[in-house]
Amino acid sequence: MDTTKKNAQPLCDFSAGKTVRVVSIDAGHSLKNRLAAMGVLTHSALHILRNEGAGRLIVTIKNSKVVLGRGASCKIFVAET
């Protein structure tokens, strides 16, 4: 297993202000397609704008704000850059 994958944590565990890189997405085909349509792909960089521990997360991807639900954000595994 890749060292980066060992260090990956769910996106929902990171606090606001962090910049992270997507390592993997542990979700079904439908959610992966929705995330891809929003620009959330493996190796893409995300900057977390808002994560208050409950409810939605707001992240920026390529200068666009994207709102992710708590369930979806916990299926996106990221590593801090």
PDB file of N, CA and C in Angstrom:
ATOM      1  N   MET A   1       0.843  -1.199   0.000  1.00  0.00           N
ATOM      2  CA  MET A   1       0.000   0.000   0.000  1.00  0.00           C
ATOM      3  C   MET A   1       0.872   1.240   0.000  1.00  0.00           C
ATOM      4  N   ASP A   2       0.490   2.225  -0.745  1.00  0.00           N
ATOM      5  CA  ASP A   2       1.176   3.503  -0.867  1.00  0.00           C
ATOM      6  C   ASP A   2       1.190   4.215   0.490  1.00  0.00           C
ATOM      7  N   THR A   3       2.300   4.862   0.824  1.00  0.00           N
ATOM      8  CA  THR A   3       2.424   5.590   2.086  1.00  0.00           C
ATOM      9  C   THR A   3       1.360   6.677   2.194  1.00  0.00           C
ATOM     10  N   THR A   4       1.052   7.342   1.090  1.00  0.00           N
ATOM     11  CA  THR A   4       0.047   8.397   1.097  1.00  0.00           C
ATOM     12  C   THR A   4      -1.314   7.833   1.471  1.00  0.00           C
ATOM     13  N   LYS A   5      -1.656   6.659   0.954  1.00  0.00           N
ATOM     14  CA  LYS A   5      -2.946   6.056   1.271  1.00  0.00           C
ATOM     15  C   LYS A   5      -3.023   5.666   2.740  1.00  0.00           C
ATOM     16  N   LYS A   6      -1.898   5.261   3.329  1.00  0.00           N
ATOM     17  CA  LYS A   6      -1.885   4.931   4.753  1.00  0.00           C
ATOM     18  C   LYS A   6      -2.186   6.170   5.597  1.00  0.00           C
ATOM     19  N   ASN A   7      -1.700   7.327   5.143  1.00  0.00           N
ATOM     20  CA  ASN A   7      -1.865   8.572   5.893  1.00  0.00           C
ATOM     21  C   ASN A   7      -3.164   9.296   5.569  1.00  0.00           C
ATOM     22  N   ALA A   8      -3.941   8.769   4.633  1.00  0.00           N
ATOM     23  CA  ALA A   8      -5.179   9.437   4.228  1.00  0.00           C
ATOM     24  C   ALA A   8      -6.231   9.347   5.318  1.00  0.00           C
ATOM     25  N   GLN A   9      -6.985  10.426   5.463  1.00  0.00           N
ATOM     26  CA  GLN A   9      -8.088  10.507   6.426  1.00  0.00           C
ATOM     27  C   GLN A   9      -9.308  11.041   5.703  1.00  0.00           C
ATOM     28  N   PRO A  10     -10.499  10.793   6.252  1.00  0.00           N
ATOM     29  CA  PRO A  10     -11.702  11.350   5.619  1.00  0.00           C
ATOM     30  C   PRO A  10     -11.665  12.886   5.626  1.00  0.00           C
ATOM     31  N   LEU A  11     -12.177  13.472   4.583  1.00  0.00           N
ATOM     32  CA  LEU A  11     -12.233  14.925   4.461  1.00  0.00           C
ATOM     33  C   LEU A  11     -12.970  15.553   5.643  1.00  0.00           C
ATOM     34  N   CYS A  12     -13.993  14.883   6.138  1.00  0.00           N
ATOM     35  CA  CYS A  12     -14.799  15.433   7.236  1.00  0.00           C
ATOM     36  C   CYS A  12     -14.007  15.592   8.539  1.00  0.00           C
ATOM     37  N   ASP A  13     -12.808  14.981   8.640  1.00  0.00           N
ATOM     38  CA  ASP A  13     -11.991  15.077   9.853  1.00  0.00           C
ATOM     39  C   ASP A  13     -11.074  16.303   9.875  1.00  0.00           C
ATOM     40  N   PHE A  14     -10.968  17.024   8.763  1.00  0.00           N
ATOM     41  CA  PHE A  14     -10.064  18.168   8.681  1.00  0.00           C
ATOM     42  C   PHE A  14     -10.796  19.466   9.016  1.00  0.00           C
ATOM     43  N   SER A  15     -10.067  20.390   9.600  1.00  0.00           N
ATOM     44  CA  SER A  15     -10.671  21.663   9.995  1.00  0.00           C
ATOM     45  C   SER A  15     -10.546  22.697   8.874  1.00  0.00           C
ATOM     46  N   ALA A  16     -11.303  23.759   9.014  1.00  0.00           N
ATOM     47  CA  ALA A  16     -11.287  24.851   8.038  1.00  0.00           C
ATOM     48  C   ALA A  16      -9.896  25.462   7.961  1.00  0.00           C
ATOM     49  N   GLY A  17      -9.531  25.905   6.766  1.00  0.00           N
ATOM     50  CA  GLY A  17      -8.242  26.535   6.563  1.00  0.00           C
ATOM     51  C   GLY A  17      -7.173  25.602   6.021  1.00  0.00           C
ATOM     52  N   LYS A  18      -7.432  24.308   6.027  1.00  0.00           N
ATOM     53  CA  LYS A  18      -6.456  23.325   5.544  1.00  0.00           C
ATOM     54  C   LYS A  18      -6.588  23.150   4.037  1.00  0.00           C
ATOM     55  N   THR A  19      -5.469  22.868   3.399  1.00  0.00           N
ATOM     56  CA  THR A  19      -5.463  22.504   1.983  1.00  0.00           C
ATOM     57  C   THR A  19      -5.067  21.038   1.916  1.00  0.00           C
ATOM     58  N   VAL A  20      -5.858  20.261   1.201  1.00  0.00           N
ATOM     59  CA  VAL A  20      -5.651  18.814   1.138  1.00  0.00           C
ATOM     60  C   VAL A  20      -5.693  18.347  -0.313  1.00  0.00           C
ATOM     61  N   ARG A  21      -5.196  17.133  -0.544  1.00  0.00           N
ATOM     62  CA  ARG A  21      -5.229  16.519  -1.869  1.00  0.00           C
ATOM     63  C   ARG A  21      -5.999  15.214  -1.773  1.00  0.00           C
ATOM     64  N   VAL A  22      -6.900  14.975  -2.716  1.00  0.00           N
ATOM     65  CA  VAL A  22      -7.730  13.770  -2.713  1.00  0.00           C
ATOM     66  C   VAL A  22      -6.855  12.567  -3.043  1.00  0.00           C
ATOM     67  N   VAL A  23      -6.912  11.546  -2.166  1.00  0.00           N
ATOM     68  CA  VAL A  23      -6.152  10.315  -2.352  1.00  0.00           C
ATOM     69  C   VAL A  23      -7.045   9.242  -2.965  1.00  0.00           C
ATOM     70  N   SER A  24      -8.263   9.101  -2.417  1.00  0.00           N
ATOM     71  CA  SER A  24      -9.199   8.116  -2.952  1.00  0.00           C
ATOM     72  C   SER A  24     -10.618   8.502  -2.551  1.00  0.00           C
ATOM     73  N   ILE A  25     -11.575   7.915  -3.260  1.00  0.00           N
ATOM     74  CA  ILE A  25     -12.984   8.134  -2.955  1.00  0.00           C
ATOM     75  C   ILE A  25     -13.622   6.765  -2.759  1.00  0.00           C
ATOM     76  N   ASP A  26     -14.065   6.494  -1.534  1.00  0.00           N
ATOM     77  CA  ASP A  26     -14.640   5.203  -1.189  1.00  0.00           C
ATOM     78  C   ASP A  26     -16.163   5.309  -1.245  1.00  0.00           C
ATOM     79  N   ALA A  27     -16.696   5.302  -2.463  1.00  0.00           N
ATOM     80  CA  ALA A  27     -18.133   5.512  -2.651  1.00  0.00           C
ATOM     81  C   ALA A  27     -18.603   4.701  -3.854  1.00  0.00           C
ATOM     82  N   GLY A  28     -19.891   4.669  -4.021  1.00  0.00           N
ATOM     83  CA  GLY A  28     -20.477   3.979  -5.157  1.00  0.00           C
ATOM     84  C   GLY A  28     -20.333   4.769  -6.447  1.00  0.00           C
ATOM     85  N   HIS A  29     -20.728   4.140  -7.521  1.00  0.00           N
ATOM     86  CA  HIS A  29     -20.603   4.722  -8.858  1.00  0.00           C
ATOM     87  C   HIS A  29     -21.351   6.057  -8.965  1.00  0.00           C
ATOM     88  N   SER A  30     -22.538   6.129  -8.426  1.00  0.00           N
ATOM     89  CA  SER A  30     -23.368   7.329  -8.531  1.00  0.00           C
ATOM     90  C   SER A  30     -22.715   8.530  -7.827  1.00  0.00           C
ATOM     91  N   LEU A  31     -22.264   8.329  -6.601  1.00  0.00           N
ATOM     92  CA  LEU A  31     -21.635   9.428  -5.862  1.00  0.00           C
ATOM     93  C   LEU A  31     -20.320   9.834  -6.523  1.00  0.00           C
ATOM     94  N   LYS A  32     -19.546   8.871  -6.994  1.00  0.00           N
ATOM     95  CA  LYS A  32     -18.290   9.205  -7.680  1.00  0.00           C
ATOM     96  C   LYS A  32     -18.557  10.069  -8.904  1.00  0.00           C
ATOM     97  N   ASN A  33     -19.624   9.756  -9.638  1.00  0.00           N
ATOM     98  CA  ASN A  33     -19.970  10.558 -10.818  1.00  0.00           C
ATOM     99  C   ASN A  33     -20.391  11.974 -10.439  1.00  0.00           C
ATOM    100  N   ARG A  34     -21.175  12.121  -9.357  1.00  0.00           N
ATOM    101  CA  ARG A  34     -21.599  13.454  -8.911  1.00  0.00           C
ATOM    102  C   ARG A  34     -20.398  14.270  -8.460  1.00  0.00           C
ATOM    103  N   LEU A  35     -19.502  13.633  -7.718  1.00  0.00           N
ATOM    104  CA  LEU A  35     -18.304  14.336  -7.251  1.00  0.00           C
ATOM    105  C   LEU A  35     -17.416  14.741  -8.425  1.00  0.00           C
ATOM    106  N   ALA A  36     -17.278  13.843  -9.403  1.00  0.00           N
ATOM    107  CA  ALA A  36     -16.472  14.155 -10.588  1.00  0.00           C
ATOM    108  C   ALA A  36     -17.055  15.346 -11.342  1.00  0.00           C
ATOM    109  N   ALA A  37     -18.369  15.422 -11.411  1.00  0.00           N
ATOM    110  CA  ALA A  37     -19.021  16.548 -12.087  1.00  0.00           C
ATOM    111  C   ALA A  37     -18.744  17.871 -11.371  1.00  0.00           C
ATOM    112  N   MET A  38     -18.492  17.805 -10.063  1.00  0.00           N
ATOM    113  CA  MET A  38     -18.173  19.014  -9.292  1.00  0.00           C
ATOM    114  C   MET A  38     -16.672  19.300  -9.274  1.00  0.00           C
ATOM    115  N   GLY A  39     -15.880  18.392  -9.851  1.00  0.00           N
ATOM    116  CA  GLY A  39     -14.436  18.595  -9.896  1.00  0.00           C
ATOM    117  C   GLY A  39     -13.668  17.879  -8.813  1.00  0.00           C
ATOM    118  N   VAL A  40     -14.350  17.068  -7.996  1.00  0.00           N
ATOM    119  CA  VAL A  40     -13.682  16.315  -6.934  1.00  0.00           C
ATOM    120  C   VAL A  40     -13.205  14.996  -7.533  1.00  0.00           C
ATOM    121  N   LEU A  41     -11.926  14.967  -7.905  1.00  0.00           N
ATOM    122  CA  LEU A  41     -11.315  13.793  -8.517  1.00  0.00           C
ATOM    123  C   LEU A  41     -10.056  13.419  -7.735  1.00  0.00           C
ATOM    124  N   THR A  42      -9.597  12.186  -7.910  1.00  0.00           N
ATOM    125  CA  THR A  42      -8.351  11.767  -7.283  1.00  0.00           C
ATOM    126  C   THR A  42      -7.233  12.699  -7.730  1.00  0.00           C
ATOM    127  N   HIS A  43      -6.400  13.097  -6.809  1.00  0.00           N
ATOM    128  CA  HIS A  43      -5.252  13.996  -6.997  1.00  0.00           C
ATOM    129  C   HIS A  43      -5.630  15.471  -7.084  1.00  0.00           C
ATOM    130  N   SER A  44      -6.918  15.817  -7.007  1.00  0.00           N
ATOM    131  CA  SER A  44      -7.269  17.235  -7.051  1.00  0.00           C
ATOM    132  C   SER A  44      -7.067  17.863  -5.670  1.00  0.00           C
ATOM    133  N   ALA A  45      -6.718  19.139  -5.669  1.00  0.00           N
ATOM    134  CA  ALA A  45      -6.481  19.879  -4.423  1.00  0.00           C
ATOM    135  C   ALA A  45      -7.771  20.559  -3.986  1.00  0.00           C
ATOM    136  N   LEU A  46      -8.034  20.507  -2.682  1.00  0.00           N
ATOM    137  CA  LEU A  46      -9.207  21.147  -2.093  1.00  0.00           C
ATOM    138  C   LEU A  46      -8.744  22.052  -0.959  1.00  0.00           C
ATOM    139  N   HIS A  47      -9.379  23.197  -0.826  1.00  0.00           N
ATOM    140  CA  HIS A  47      -9.132  24.073   0.328  1.00  0.00           C
ATOM    141  C   HIS A  47     -10.435  24.117   1.127  1.00  0.00           C
ATOM    142  N   ILE A  48     -10.353  23.769   2.395  1.00  0.00           N
ATOM    143  CA  ILE A  48     -11.545  23.693   3.239  1.00  0.00           C
ATOM    144  C   ILE A  48     -11.864  25.076   3.783  1.00  0.00           C
ATOM    145  N   LEU A  49     -13.030  25.583   3.422  1.00  0.00           N
ATOM    146  CA  LEU A  49     -13.459  26.902   3.889  1.00  0.00           C
ATOM    147  C   LEU A  49     -14.266  26.804   5.170  1.00  0.00           C
ATOM    148  N   ARG A  50     -15.107  25.777   5.272  1.00  0.00           N
ATOM    149  CA  ARG A  50     -15.982  25.659   6.438  1.00  0.00           C
ATOM    150  C   ARG A  50     -16.191  24.198   6.790  1.00  0.00           C
ATOM    151  N   ASN A  51     -15.927  23.855   8.057  1.00  0.00           N
ATOM    152  CA  ASN A  51     -16.223  22.538   8.605  1.00  0.00           C
ATOM    153  C   ASN A  51     -16.425  22.723  10.099  1.00  0.00           C
ATOM    154  N   GLU A  52     -17.654  22.723  10.503  1.00  0.00           N
ATOM    155  CA  GLU A  52     -17.969  22.969  11.904  1.00  0.00           C
ATOM    156  C   GLU A  52     -18.239  21.696  12.684  1.00  0.00           C
ATOM    157  N   GLY A  53     -17.911  20.538  12.119  1.00  0.00           N
ATOM    158  CA  GLY A  53     -18.069  19.282  12.838  1.00  0.00           C
ATOM    159  C   GLY A  53     -19.419  18.624  12.647  1.00  0.00           C
ATOM    160  N   ALA A  54     -20.385  19.344  12.143  1.00  0.00           N
ATOM    161  CA  ALA A  54     -21.712  18.784  11.856  1.00  0.00           C
ATOM    162  C   ALA A  54     -22.266  19.543  10.660  1.00  0.00           C
ATOM    163  N   GLY A  55     -23.058  18.869   9.867  1.00  0.00           N
ATOM    164  CA  GLY A  55     -23.634  19.531   8.702  1.00  0.00           C
ATOM    165  C   GLY A  55     -22.685  19.556   7.521  1.00  0.00           C
ATOM    166  N   ARG A  56     -22.921  20.502   6.636  1.00  0.00           N
ATOM    167  CA  ARG A  56     -22.192  20.564   5.373  1.00  0.00           C
ATOM    168  C   ARG A  56     -20.786  21.120   5.513  1.00  0.00           C
ATOM    169  N   LEU A  57     -19.936  20.736   4.533  1.00  0.00           N
ATOM    170  CA  LEU A  57     -18.600  21.299   4.399  1.00  0.00           C
ATOM    171  C   LEU A  57     -18.602  22.179   3.162  1.00  0.00           C
ATOM    172  N   ILE A  58     -17.854  23.263   3.210  1.00  0.00           N
ATOM    173  CA  ILE A  58     -17.684  24.102   2.032  1.00  0.00           C
ATOM    174  C   ILE A  58     -16.200  24.075   1.691  1.00  0.00           C
ATOM    175  N   VAL A  59     -15.900  23.716   0.451  1.00  0.00           N
ATOM    176  CA  VAL A  59     -14.519  23.649  -0.010  1.00  0.00           C
ATOM    177  C   VAL A  59     -14.395  24.433  -1.309  1.00  0.00           C
ATOM    178  N   THR A  60     -13.162  24.814  -1.643  1.00  0.00           N
ATOM    179  CA  THR A  60     -12.921  25.408  -2.957  1.00  0.00           C
ATOM    180  C   THR A  60     -12.129  24.412  -3.782  1.00  0.00           C
ATOM    181  N   ILE A  61     -12.539  24.304  -5.042  1.00  0.00           N
ATOM    182  CA  ILE A  61     -11.865  23.447  -6.009  1.00  0.00           C
ATOM    183  C   ILE A  61     -11.682  24.297  -7.258  1.00  0.00           C
ATOM    184  N   LYS A  62     -10.441  24.537  -7.634  1.00  0.00           N
ATOM    185  CA  LYS A  62     -10.155  25.337  -8.832  1.00  0.00           C
ATOM    186  C   LYS A  62     -10.958  26.639  -8.857  1.00  0.00           C
ATOM    187  N   ASN A  63     -10.904  27.402  -7.792  1.00  0.00           N
ATOM    188  CA  ASN A  63     -11.559  28.703  -7.663  1.00  0.00           C
ATOM    189  C   ASN A  63     -13.080  28.658  -7.660  1.00  0.00           C
ATOM    190  N   SER A  64     -13.669  27.505  -7.405  1.00  0.00           N
ATOM    191  CA  SER A  64     -15.131  27.377  -7.288  1.00  0.00           C
ATOM    192  C   SER A  64     -15.475  26.839  -5.906  1.00  0.00           C
ATOM    193  N   LYS A  65     -16.495  27.414  -5.298  1.00  0.00           N
ATOM    194  CA  LYS A  65     -16.959  26.908  -4.008  1.00  0.00           C
ATOM    195  C   LYS A  65     -17.904  25.745  -4.244  1.00  0.00           C
ATOM    196  N   VAL A  66     -17.704  24.673  -3.473  1.00  0.00           N
ATOM    197  CA  VAL A  66     -18.536  23.481  -3.572  1.00  0.00           C
ATOM    198  C   VAL A  66     -18.994  23.111  -2.166  1.00  0.00           C
ATOM    199  N   VAL A  67     -20.281  22.818  -2.034  1.00  0.00           N
ATOM    200  CA  VAL A  67     -20.845  22.401  -0.752  1.00  0.00           C
ATOM    201  C   VAL A  67     -21.026  20.887  -0.794  1.00  0.00           C
ATOM    202  N   LEU A  68     -20.473  20.214   0.210  1.00  0.00           N
ATOM    203  CA  LEU A  68     -20.561  18.759   0.305  1.00  0.00           C
ATOM    204  C   LEU A  68     -21.296  18.371   1.578  1.00  0.00           C
ATOM    205  N   GLY A  69     -22.153  17.397   1.480  1.00  0.00           N
ATOM    206  CA  GLY A  69     -22.830  16.875   2.658  1.00  0.00           C
ATOM    207  C   GLY A  69     -21.859  16.106   3.536  1.00  0.00           C
ATOM    208  N   ARG A  70     -22.206  15.943   4.786  1.00  0.00           N
ATOM    209  CA  ARG A  70     -21.339  15.245   5.738  1.00  0.00           C
ATOM    210  C   ARG A  70     -21.057  13.810   5.297  1.00  0.00           C
ATOM    211  N   GLY A  71     -22.082  13.100   4.820  1.00  0.00           N
ATOM    212  CA  GLY A  71     -21.895  11.711   4.404  1.00  0.00           C
ATOM    213  C   GLY A  71     -20.935  11.578   3.243  1.00  0.00           C
ATOM    214  N   ALA A  72     -21.100  12.424   2.234  1.00  0.00           N
ATOM    215  CA  ALA A  72     -20.212  12.388   1.067  1.00  0.00           C
ATOM    216  C   ALA A  72     -18.791  12.777   1.464  1.00  0.00           C
ATOM    217  N   SER A  73     -18.651  13.770   2.317  1.00  0.00           N
ATOM    218  CA  SER A  73     -17.315  14.239   2.689  1.00  0.00           C
ATOM    219  C   SER A  73     -16.552  13.194   3.503  1.00  0.00           C
ATOM    220  N   CYS A  74     -17.265  12.321   4.196  1.00  0.00           N
ATOM    221  CA  CYS A  74     -16.604  11.257   4.968  1.00  0.00           C
ATOM    222  C   CYS A  74     -16.166  10.098   4.081  1.00  0.00           C
ATOM    223  N   LYS A  75     -16.584  10.088   2.820  1.00  0.00           N
ATOM    224  CA  LYS A  75     -16.184   9.030   1.886  1.00  0.00           C
ATOM    225  C   LYS A  75     -15.024   9.464   0.991  1.00  0.00           C
ATOM    226  N   ILE A  76     -14.608  10.722   1.144  1.00  0.00           N
ATOM    227  CA  ILE A  76     -13.490  11.260   0.367  1.00  0.00           C
ATOM    228  C   ILE A  76     -12.259  11.229   1.266  1.00  0.00           C
ATOM    229  N   PHE A  77     -11.256  10.438   0.876  1.00  0.00           N
ATOM    230  CA  PHE A  77     -10.046  10.320   1.686  1.00  0.00           C
ATOM    231  C   PHE A  77      -8.974  11.227   1.120  1.00  0.00           C
ATOM    232  N   VAL A  78      -8.393  12.039   1.998  1.00  0.00           N
ATOM    233  CA  VAL A  78      -7.455  13.072   1.594  1.00  0.00           C
ATOM    234  C   VAL A  78      -6.197  13.036   2.470  1.00  0.00           C
ATOM    235  N   ALA A  79      -5.154  13.665   1.977  1.00  0.00           N
ATOM    236  CA  ALA A  79      -3.917  13.850   2.746  1.00  0.00           C
ATOM    237  C   ALA A  79      -3.589  15.330   2.732  1.00  0.00           C
ATOM    238  N   GLU A  80      -3.078  15.827   3.836  1.00  0.00           N
ATOM    239  CA  GLU A  80      -2.743  17.240   3.933  1.00  0.00           C
ATOM    240  C   GLU A  80      -1.525  17.544   3.066  1.00  0.00           C
ATOM    241  N   THR A  81      -1.572  18.693   2.393  1.00  0.00           N
ATOM    242  CA  THR A  81      -0.435  19.072   1.533  1.00  0.00           C
ATOM    243  C   THR A  81       0.483  20.022   2.245  1.00  0.00           C
TER     244      THR A  81
END
